[in-house]
Amino acid sequence: MTQKKKTDFKIVTPPDDLSEVRAKTKKIHREKLKKIVVPVILIALAVSGTYLMLTNKAYSEAGTAVRYSTDSSDTSNYAHFANGIVRYNRDGVVFLNKKNEEKWIQSTQLKNPIIEVKEKAFAVGDIGGNNDSLALAAGIMQSGALLTVLLALSTLTTGILQGLGEMQAPLVHAATAVAIHLGFLVLFVVKFKWNIYGVVYANIIFGLIICLLNARSIRKKLHYRQEIKKTFLVPVIAAGVMGIAAYLVHRVFNLFAGNTISTILAVCVGAVVYGICLVKLGGILEREIRRLPKGDLLADLLIRLNIL
């Protein structure tokens, strides 16, 4: 039985030049891309135009719908700046946009605030004010100095624990410290009425607890016994001598050189005195100094000055 020939099939030979095929393929791809990109661009333009129209709509006239009387006394002052309003009073400065939304806030203490507005900037000053804000800032800095040391030490000990493979211990310690910190925070702020100082003292307790818990875990893991003299006692003594030297330099030079110059000199002298005391008391050794950047140069200089 013979098989019937299928006449629907044709043998097609590939063309010698494929550039025409590639051109037609690129054209088809471009057409498909246009069908996708063009609607997307149109939708984006429509959304953007609607948003700009709603946000930048200008009104030619306004009317009063209803009036309400109020007895509240607003002690704030207002000034127009850029595309918003500056509200300033004795407690600080606030910038409001045209939707009455607060863009930024700067808290301060002013007795009689005044404002000077220019085209691209404004300045708020105080007439007949006092130094209460400066005293508050200085007090917070003094109270929070210990916090800086404790947070740095807690970060260091946390890194040591993680390097030892104790990934969960720092999290437990932090959670414990936060719980205790919140208790002291409520006690200091609500009960004792220490205000911002209560926040600083509670943060100090937070850092101290983390340091103690991390130190205990490190001792259990490595059987390490923390030495006291070189790590704690010597730096405390050096810091005390540094503070006395800086205070005396500031008091003396402030009599004739002004506060700025006397402060800069006090900081420089304090740094030098602290370094000398640290070396003389054995808080840092020669080999440790030489490991520092430019340590060889510094060690040779200290040897020439008979400090090391």
Protein backbone atom coordinates (compact mmCIF):
# COMPACT_ATOMS: atom_id res chain seq x y z
CA MET A 1 0.00 0.00 0.00
CA THR A 2 1.55 3.27 -1.06
CA GLN A 3 1.67 6.30 1.26
CA LYS A 4 0.04 9.55 0.10
CA LYS A 5 2.39 12.50 -0.32
CA LYS A 6 1.82 15.56 1.85
CA THR A 7 1.90 18.63 -0.30
CA ASP A 8 1.65 21.16 2.62
CA PHE A 9 5.34 20.91 3.54
CA LYS A 10 8.02 22.86 1.71
CA ILE A 11 11.75 22.72 2.03
CA VAL A 12 13.10 26.18 2.83
CA THR A 13 16.73 26.98 2.34
CA PRO A 14 18.28 29.52 4.74
CA PRO A 15 19.23 32.82 3.14
CA ASP A 16 22.85 33.59 2.60
CA ASP A 17 22.54 37.02 4.28
CA LEU A 18 20.95 36.96 7.74
CA SER A 19 21.02 40.74 8.23
CA GLU A 20 17.51 41.09 6.82
CA VAL A 21 16.21 38.48 9.26
CA ARG A 22 17.90 40.23 12.19
CA ALA A 23 16.47 43.58 11.13
CA LYS A 24 12.94 42.19 10.98
CA THR A 25 13.43 40.54 14.39
CA LYS A 26 14.60 43.84 15.93
CA LYS A 27 11.65 45.62 14.39
CA ILE A 28 9.22 43.13 15.94
CA HIS A 29 10.91 43.54 19.34
CA ARG A 30 10.71 47.33 19.06
CA GLU A 31 7.03 47.17 18.29
CA LYS A 32 6.40 44.98 21.33
CA LEU A 33 8.46 47.33 23.51
CA LYS A 34 6.50 50.34 22.30
CA LYS A 35 3.23 48.65 23.22
CA ILE A 36 4.51 48.29 26.81
CA VAL A 37 6.52 51.50 27.33
CA VAL A 38 4.09 54.01 25.82
CA PRO A 39 1.13 53.13 28.12
CA VAL A 40 3.46 53.13 31.14
CA ILE A 41 4.77 56.63 30.27
CA LEU A 42 1.25 57.95 29.71
CA ILE A 43 0.05 56.59 33.04
CA ALA A 44 3.09 58.07 34.84
CA LEU A 45 2.50 61.48 33.23
CA ALA A 46 -1.17 61.38 34.18
CA VAL A 47 -0.41 60.51 37.80
CA SER A 48 2.34 63.15 38.05
CA GLY A 49 0.17 65.82 36.50
CA THR A 50 -2.73 65.06 38.83
CA TYR A 51 -0.43 65.18 41.87
CA LEU A 52 1.13 68.51 40.83
CA MET A 53 -2.27 70.01 40.12
CA LEU A 54 -3.60 69.03 43.54
CA THR A 55 -0.55 70.09 45.51
CA ASN A 56 0.16 73.37 43.68
CA LYS A 57 -3.38 74.51 43.08
CA ALA A 58 -3.79 78.27 43.43
CA TYR A 59 -6.92 79.84 44.86
CA SER A 60 -8.01 83.32 43.75
CA GLU A 61 -10.51 83.93 46.56
CA ALA A 62 -11.44 82.54 49.99
CA GLY A 63 -14.43 82.67 52.29
CA THR A 64 -15.15 82.09 55.98
CA ALA A 65 -17.25 79.02 56.66
CA VAL A 66 -17.60 79.36 60.44
CA ARG A 67 -15.94 81.23 63.31
CA TYR A 68 -15.06 79.92 66.75
CA SER A 69 -14.10 81.98 69.75
CA THR A 70 -11.27 80.78 71.95
CA ASP A 71 -9.84 81.84 75.26
CA SER A 72 -6.46 80.14 74.82
CA SER A 73 -3.47 82.46 74.89
CA ASP A 74 -0.87 81.78 72.22
CA THR A 75 2.49 83.24 73.20
CA SER A 76 4.10 82.24 69.91
CA ASN A 77 5.21 84.66 67.23
CA TYR A 78 5.04 83.98 63.52
CA ALA A 79 7.00 85.07 60.46
CA HIS A 80 6.70 84.19 56.78
CA PHE A 81 9.71 82.43 55.28
CA ALA A 82 10.11 80.69 51.91
CA ASN A 83 6.96 78.59 51.33
CA GLY A 84 6.01 78.28 54.98
CA ILE A 85 5.71 79.90 58.40
CA VAL A 86 8.27 80.15 61.19
CA ARG A 87 6.74 79.85 64.65
CA TYR A 88 9.04 80.91 67.48
CA ASN A 89 8.56 81.36 71.20
CA ARG A 90 10.45 80.96 74.46
CA ASP A 91 10.63 77.18 74.04
CA GLY A 92 12.02 76.96 70.53
CA VAL A 93 11.54 77.44 66.80
CA VAL A 94 9.29 75.45 64.44
CA PHE A 95 9.06 75.66 60.65
CA LEU A 96 5.62 74.86 59.18
CA ASN A 97 4.86 74.25 55.52
CA LYS A 98 1.76 75.53 53.77
CA LYS A 99 -0.16 72.48 54.97
CA ASN A 100 0.63 73.42 58.58
CA GLU A 101 2.90 70.39 58.90
CA GLU A 102 6.00 70.64 61.06
CA LYS A 103 9.08 70.24 58.86
CA TRP A 104 11.67 70.67 61.61
CA ILE A 105 11.84 71.71 65.27
CA GLN A 106 14.66 73.30 67.24
CA SER A 107 14.14 73.37 71.00
CA THR A 108 15.85 76.07 73.05
CA GLN A 109 15.31 78.45 75.95
CA LEU A 110 14.77 82.11 75.07
CA LYS A 111 13.66 84.98 77.25
CA ASN A 112 12.58 87.50 74.59
CA PRO A 113 12.91 85.87 71.16
CA ILE A 114 13.27 87.99 68.03
CA ILE A 115 13.59 87.00 64.39
CA GLU A 116 15.36 88.41 61.36
CA VAL A 117 14.17 87.04 58.01
CA LYS A 118 16.12 87.34 54.78
CA GLU A 119 15.48 85.89 51.33
CA LYS A 120 17.24 82.56 51.86
CA ALA A 121 17.77 82.41 55.62
CA PHE A 122 16.40 83.56 58.94
CA ALA A 123 17.90 83.91 62.42
CA VAL A 124 16.22 83.80 65.83
CA GLY A 125 17.90 85.61 68.71
CA ASP A 126 17.25 86.56 72.30
CA ILE A 127 17.04 90.00 73.92
CA GLY A 128 18.00 90.26 77.57
CA GLY A 129 18.31 86.51 77.90
CA ASN A 130 20.44 84.56 80.32
CA ASN A 131 22.81 81.62 80.13
CA ASP A 132 20.34 78.98 81.34
CA SER A 133 20.55 77.04 78.08
CA LEU A 134 24.36 77.11 78.17
CA ALA A 135 24.36 75.92 81.77
CA LEU A 136 21.96 73.12 80.88
CA ALA A 137 24.13 72.03 77.96
CA ALA A 138 27.26 72.10 80.11
CA GLY A 139 25.55 70.13 82.86
CA ILE A 140 24.34 67.46 80.46
CA MET A 141 27.81 67.17 78.94
CA GLN A 142 29.41 66.77 82.35
CA SER A 143 26.83 64.25 83.50
CA GLY A 144 26.98 62.26 80.28
CA ALA A 145 30.78 62.05 80.04
CA LEU A 146 30.76 58.70 81.84
CA LEU A 147 28.08 57.45 79.44
CA THR A 148 30.46 57.81 76.50
CA VAL A 149 33.05 55.61 78.20
CA LEU A 150 30.51 52.96 79.19
CA LEU A 151 28.92 52.78 75.74
CA ALA A 152 32.35 52.43 74.12
CA LEU A 153 33.30 49.67 76.56
CA SER A 154 29.98 47.89 76.06
CA THR A 155 30.47 47.95 72.28
CA LEU A 156 33.98 46.54 72.67
CA THR A 157 32.92 43.72 75.00
CA THR A 158 29.95 42.88 72.77
CA GLY A 159 32.33 42.50 69.83
CA ILE A 160 34.57 40.22 71.92
CA LEU A 161 31.63 37.97 72.81
CA GLN A 162 30.52 37.76 69.20
CA GLY A 163 34.06 36.91 68.17
CA LEU A 164 34.02 34.07 70.70
CA GLY A 165 30.87 32.67 69.11
CA GLU A 166 28.51 33.92 71.82
CA MET A 167 25.90 35.50 69.56
CA GLN A 168 22.93 35.19 71.91
CA ALA A 169 24.56 36.49 75.11
CA PRO A 170 24.85 40.16 73.97
CA LEU A 171 21.16 40.16 73.01
CA VAL A 172 20.13 38.82 76.41
CA HIS A 173 22.36 41.35 78.15
CA ALA A 174 20.93 44.23 76.09
CA ALA A 175 17.34 43.17 76.79
CA THR A 176 18.08 42.90 80.52
CA ALA A 177 19.77 46.31 80.53
CA VAL A 178 16.84 47.90 78.69
CA ALA A 179 14.33 46.53 81.21
CA ILE A 180 16.36 47.83 84.18
CA HIS A 181 16.99 51.11 82.33
CA LEU A 182 13.26 51.73 81.88
CA GLY A 183 12.65 51.19 85.58
CA PHE A 184 15.32 53.70 86.57
CA LEU A 185 14.13 56.12 83.88
CA VAL A 186 10.62 56.22 85.34
CA LEU A 187 12.06 56.54 88.84
CA PHE A 188 14.40 59.41 87.99
CA VAL A 189 12.02 61.38 85.75
CA VAL A 190 8.62 60.76 87.37
CA LYS A 191 9.52 60.25 91.03
CA PHE A 192 12.64 62.36 91.54
CA LYS A 193 11.74 64.98 88.88
CA TRP A 194 15.27 65.13 87.49
CA ASN A 195 13.95 65.82 83.97
CA ILE A 196 16.65 65.54 81.30
CA TYR A 197 19.29 64.67 83.89
CA GLY A 198 17.20 61.65 84.82
CA VAL A 199 17.41 60.46 81.22
CA VAL A 200 21.21 60.84 81.26
CA TYR A 201 21.58 58.97 84.57
CA ALA A 202 19.30 56.16 83.37
CA ASN A 203 21.39 55.81 80.20
CA ILE A 204 24.53 55.58 82.33
CA ILE A 205 22.99 52.70 84.26
CA PHE A 206 22.07 51.05 80.95
CA GLY A 207 25.69 51.15 79.74
CA LEU A 208 27.03 50.01 83.11
CA ILE A 209 24.76 46.96 83.23
CA ILE A 210 25.77 45.85 79.74
CA CYS A 211 29.46 46.21 80.63
CA LEU A 212 29.07 44.15 83.80
CA LEU A 213 27.07 41.38 82.13
CA ASN A 214 29.45 41.20 79.16
CA ALA A 215 32.47 41.09 81.48
CA ARG A 216 30.94 38.22 83.42
CA SER A 217 30.31 36.23 80.23
CA ILE A 218 33.84 36.87 78.96
CA ARG A 219 35.30 35.69 82.28
CA LYS A 220 33.26 32.48 82.14
CA LYS A 221 34.23 31.82 78.53
CA LEU A 222 37.96 32.55 78.75
CA HIS A 223 38.58 32.16 82.50
CA TYR A 224 40.04 35.68 82.32
CA ARG A 225 40.61 37.73 85.45
CA GLN A 226 40.32 41.46 84.81
CA GLU A 227 43.26 43.45 86.19
CA ILE A 228 42.27 46.75 87.80
CA LYS A 229 45.33 48.99 88.01
CA LYS A 230 46.28 49.43 84.36
CA THR A 231 42.78 49.41 82.92
CA PHE A 232 40.89 51.51 85.48
CA LEU A 233 43.03 53.03 88.25
CA VAL A 234 45.79 54.59 86.14
CA PRO A 235 43.42 56.24 83.59
CA VAL A 236 41.28 57.65 86.42
CA ILE A 237 44.31 59.23 88.12
CA ALA A 238 45.61 60.59 84.80
CA ALA A 239 42.18 62.03 84.01
CA GLY A 240 42.04 63.72 87.43
CA VAL A 241 45.44 65.38 86.92
CA MET A 242 44.39 66.37 83.40
CA GLY A 243 41.21 68.00 84.72
CA ILE A 244 43.10 70.03 87.32
CA ALA A 245 45.65 71.21 84.73
CA ALA A 246 42.98 72.15 82.20
CA TYR A 247 40.98 74.02 84.84
CA LEU A 248 43.97 76.06 86.00
CA VAL A 249 45.03 76.93 82.45
CA HIS A 250 41.51 78.05 81.57
CA ARG A 251 41.16 80.18 84.69
CA VAL A 252 44.50 81.91 84.18
CA PHE A 253 44.24 82.63 80.45
CA ASN A 254 40.57 83.58 80.70
CA LEU A 255 41.63 86.66 82.68
CA PHE A 256 43.24 88.31 79.65
CA ALA A 257 42.84 86.08 76.55
CA GLY A 258 39.09 85.47 76.53
CA ASN A 259 37.04 82.30 76.71
CA THR A 260 37.76 80.93 73.22
CA ILE A 261 41.54 81.04 73.36
CA SER A 262 41.65 79.87 76.98
CA THR A 263 39.39 76.91 76.14
CA ILE A 264 41.55 75.83 73.19
CA LEU A 265 44.71 76.09 75.31
CA ALA A 266 43.08 74.18 78.18
CA VAL A 267 42.09 71.33 75.85
CA CYS A 268 45.59 71.11 74.33
CA VAL A 269 47.34 71.23 77.72
CA GLY A 270 44.90 68.67 79.14
CA ALA A 271 45.62 66.23 76.31
CA VAL A 272 49.40 66.55 76.78
CA VAL A 273 49.17 66.19 80.57
CA TYR A 274 46.95 63.11 80.27
CA GLY A 275 49.37 61.43 77.88
CA ILE A 276 52.38 62.16 80.10
CA CYS A 277 50.61 60.88 83.21
CA LEU A 278 49.49 57.73 81.39
CA VAL A 279 53.07 56.95 80.36
CA LYS A 280 54.64 57.82 83.71
CA LEU A 281 52.15 55.73 85.69
CA GLY A 282 52.64 52.71 83.44
CA GLY A 283 49.23 52.83 81.82
CA ILE A 284 50.81 52.29 78.41
CA LEU A 285 54.12 50.60 77.62
CA GLU A 286 56.73 51.39 74.99
CA ARG A 287 55.89 48.36 72.85
CA GLU A 288 52.24 49.36 72.90
CA ILE A 289 53.10 52.90 71.80
CA ARG A 290 55.20 51.59 68.89
CA ARG A 291 52.19 49.62 67.62
CA LEU A 292 50.23 52.85 67.16
CA PRO A 293 50.24 54.75 63.83
CA LYS A 294 53.50 56.76 63.83
CA GLY A 295 54.21 54.99 67.11
CA ASP A 296 57.97 54.69 66.51
CA LEU A 297 58.24 58.45 66.02
CA LEU A 298 56.17 59.14 69.14
CA ALA A 299 58.14 56.65 71.26
CA ASP A 300 61.49 58.14 70.18
CA LEU A 301 60.22 61.63 71.02
CA LEU A 302 59.10 60.54 74.49
CA ILE A 303 62.48 58.87 75.10
CA ARG A 304 64.34 62.07 74.13
CA LEU A 305 62.17 64.07 76.53
CA ASN A 306 62.87 61.51 79.31
CA ILE A 307 59.16 60.78 79.63
CA LEU A 308 59.34 57.15 78.54
